[in-house]
Amino acid sequence: MIGVVLKTEEQKENFAPWNGAYRFWWAAITILRSVTQIKQAMGRINTFYRNPSSLLNNRSVADYVTSECGVALLFDQHVNRPGHVPGTSRQGC
C-alpha cells in the first residue's frame, strides 16, 4: 500500500480504527513509561542540582532550592532552556 493515495472515507477508515486513540493513551500511562520519565528527569536534574561546576557563591543549587516545587520549576526551565539553570540562578544570588 506504499504510494497509494487514499481518496475515500472507506479507504481511510481501515487505517484509523475507533480504538486507535485509546491505544496511544494507554501506552502513555504505563508504569514502565512513567519510571523511564522519572529516571530521565532525575538524570537531567543531577546535571546542575549538586554539580560542583554549577556552584553559586561556593554553594550548590541544592543549597538554595530545597522544595519539590522549586526543583520542579528548575527542571521545567532546564527542559525548555537546557544549560541555563546555573546562569539564571546566579542572577538571584
C-alpha atoms as a PDB file:
ATOM      1  CA  MET A   1       0.000   0.000   0.000  1.00  0.00           C
ATOM      2  CA  ILE A   2       3.001   2.313  -0.116  1.00  0.00           C
ATOM      3  CA  GLY A   3       2.443   5.165  -2.519  1.00  0.00           C
ATOM      4  CA  VAL A   4      -1.319   4.625  -2.793  1.00  0.00           C
ATOM      5  CA  VAL A   5      -3.424   7.752  -2.329  1.00  0.00           C
ATOM      6  CA  LEU A   6      -6.416   7.191  -0.055  1.00  0.00           C
ATOM      7  CA  LYS A   7      -9.309   9.133  -1.535  1.00  0.00           C
ATOM      8  CA  THR A   8     -12.470   7.852   0.106  1.00  0.00           C
ATOM      9  CA  GLU A   9     -13.542   7.768   3.753  1.00  0.00           C
ATOM     10  CA  GLU A  10     -13.897   3.999   3.471  1.00  0.00           C
ATOM     11  CA  GLN A  11     -10.251   3.606   2.428  1.00  0.00           C
ATOM     12  CA  LYS A  12      -9.102   5.877   5.263  1.00  0.00           C
ATOM     13  CA  GLU A  13     -11.163   4.071   7.922  1.00  0.00           C
ATOM     14  CA  ASN A  14      -9.044   0.951   7.504  1.00  0.00           C
ATOM     15  CA  PHE A  15      -6.070   2.886   8.894  1.00  0.00           C
ATOM     16  CA  ALA A  16      -7.816   4.675  11.759  1.00  0.00           C
ATOM     17  CA  PRO A  17      -9.801   2.198  13.881  1.00  0.00           C
ATOM     18  CA  TRP A  18     -12.064   3.738  16.548  1.00  0.00           C
ATOM     19  CA  ASN A  19      -9.846   2.468  19.336  1.00  0.00           C
ATOM     20  CA  GLY A  20      -6.589   3.849  17.913  1.00  0.00           C
ATOM     21  CA  ALA A  21      -6.592   6.892  20.197  1.00  0.00           C
ATOM     22  CA  TYR A  22      -7.246   4.653  23.201  1.00  0.00           C
ATOM     23  CA  ARG A  23      -4.185   2.550  22.387  1.00  0.00           C
ATOM     24  CA  PHE A  24      -1.945   5.622  22.346  1.00  0.00           C
ATOM     25  CA  TRP A  25      -3.485   6.875  25.605  1.00  0.00           C
ATOM     26  CA  TRP A  26      -2.972   3.516  27.307  1.00  0.00           C
ATOM     27  CA  ALA A  27       0.651   3.301  26.169  1.00  0.00           C
ATOM     28  CA  ALA A  28       1.338   6.749  27.606  1.00  0.00           C
ATOM     29  CA  ILE A  29       0.224   5.850  31.119  1.00  0.00           C
ATOM     30  CA  THR A  30       2.028   2.575  31.614  1.00  0.00           C
ATOM     31  CA  ILE A  31       4.230   2.208  34.648  1.00  0.00           C
ATOM     32  CA  LEU A  32       7.328   1.497  32.581  1.00  0.00           C
ATOM     33  CA  ARG A  33       6.914   4.772  30.729  1.00  0.00           C
ATOM     34  CA  SER A  34       6.445   6.692  33.976  1.00  0.00           C
ATOM     35  CA  VAL A  35       9.515   5.116  35.568  1.00  0.00           C
ATOM     36  CA  THR A  36      11.573   5.883  32.472  1.00  0.00           C
ATOM     37  CA  GLN A  37      10.462   9.517  32.500  1.00  0.00           C
ATOM     38  CA  ILE A  38      11.291   9.895  36.203  1.00  0.00           C
ATOM     39  CA  LYS A  39      14.759   8.379  35.755  1.00  0.00           C
ATOM     40  CA  GLN A  40      15.441  10.672  32.815  1.00  0.00           C
ATOM     41  CA  ALA A  41      14.254  13.694  34.812  1.00  0.00           C
ATOM     42  CA  MET A  42      16.486  12.773  37.747  1.00  0.00           C
ATOM     43  CA  GLY A  43      19.458  12.453  35.422  1.00  0.00           C
ATOM     44  CA  ARG A  44      18.791  15.886  33.983  1.00  0.00           C
ATOM     45  CA  ILE A  45      18.412  17.464  37.419  1.00  0.00           C
ATOM     46  CA  ASN A  46      21.699  15.927  38.533  1.00  0.00           C
ATOM     47  CA  THR A  47      23.493  17.840  35.765  1.00  0.00           C
ATOM     48  CA  PHE A  48      23.082  21.034  37.804  1.00  0.00           C
ATOM     49  CA  TYR A  49      21.453  20.396  41.217  1.00  0.00           C
ATOM     50  CA  ARG A  50      24.513  19.211  43.166  1.00  0.00           C
ATOM     51  CA  ASN A  51      27.117  19.534  40.436  1.00  0.00           C
ATOM     52  CA  PRO A  52      30.336  21.303  41.558  1.00  0.00           C
ATOM     53  CA  SER A  53      30.540  23.072  38.189  1.00  0.00           C
ATOM     54  CA  SER A  54      27.223  24.792  38.951  1.00  0.00           C
ATOM     55  CA  LEU A  55      28.211  26.408  42.251  1.00  0.00           C
ATOM     56  CA  LEU A  56      26.643  29.725  43.231  1.00  0.00           C
ATOM     57  CA  ASN A  57      28.747  31.656  45.773  1.00  0.00           C
ATOM     58  CA  ASN A  58      30.535  28.385  46.643  1.00  0.00           C
ATOM     59  CA  ARG A  59      27.206  26.646  47.298  1.00  0.00           C
ATOM     60  CA  SER A  60      25.313  24.161  45.163  1.00  0.00           C
ATOM     61  CA  VAL A  61      21.931  24.870  43.622  1.00  0.00           C
ATOM     62  CA  ALA A  62      20.569  22.293  46.099  1.00  0.00           C
ATOM     63  CA  ASP A  63      21.546  24.608  48.972  1.00  0.00           C
ATOM     64  CA  TYR A  64      19.275  27.323  47.604  1.00  0.00           C
ATOM     65  CA  VAL A  65      16.367  25.296  46.214  1.00  0.00           C
ATOM     66  CA  THR A  66      15.116  22.626  48.583  1.00  0.00           C
ATOM     67  CA  SER A  67      11.376  22.243  47.949  1.00  0.00           C
ATOM     68  CA  GLU A  68       9.881  19.803  45.460  1.00  0.00           C
ATOM     69  CA  CYS A  69       8.083  22.687  43.779  1.00  0.00           C
ATOM     70  CA  GLY A  70      11.343  24.617  43.390  1.00  0.00           C
ATOM     71  CA  VAL A  71      13.095  21.595  41.921  1.00  0.00           C
ATOM     72  CA  ALA A  72      10.164  21.074  39.537  1.00  0.00           C
ATOM     73  CA  LEU A  73      10.454  24.696  38.373  1.00  0.00           C
ATOM     74  CA  LEU A  74      14.195  24.272  37.802  1.00  0.00           C
ATOM     75  CA  PHE A  75      13.557  21.070  35.878  1.00  0.00           C
ATOM     76  CA  ASP A  76      10.973  22.848  33.728  1.00  0.00           C
ATOM     77  CA  GLN A  77      13.475  25.587  32.982  1.00  0.00           C
ATOM     78  CA  HIS A  78      16.158  23.020  32.198  1.00  0.00           C
ATOM     79  CA  VAL A  79      13.842  21.216  29.761  1.00  0.00           C
ATOM     80  CA  ASN A  80      12.913  24.428  27.974  1.00  0.00           C
ATOM     81  CA  ARG A  81      16.316  26.154  28.156  1.00  0.00           C
ATOM     82  CA  PRO A  82      18.977  23.454  28.664  1.00  0.00           C
ATOM     83  CA  GLY A  83      22.116  24.712  30.351  1.00  0.00           C
ATOM     84  CA  HIS A  84      20.605  27.991  31.552  1.00  0.00           C
ATOM     85  CA  VAL A  85      19.719  26.998  35.125  1.00  0.00           C
ATOM     86  CA  PRO A  86      23.070  27.937  36.728  1.00  0.00           C
ATOM     87  CA  GLY A  87      23.259  31.257  34.887  1.00  0.00           C
ATOM     88  CA  THR A  88      19.734  32.362  35.702  1.00  0.00           C
ATOM     89  CA  SER A  89      20.151  31.100  39.275  1.00  0.00           C
ATOM     90  CA  ARG A  90      23.242  33.296  39.669  1.00  0.00           C
ATOM     91  CA  GLN A  91      21.143  36.334  38.809  1.00  0.00           C
ATOM     92  CA  GLY A  92      19.150  35.783  42.016  1.00  0.00           C
ATOM     93  CA  CYS A  93      22.204  35.486  44.259  1.00  0.00           C
END
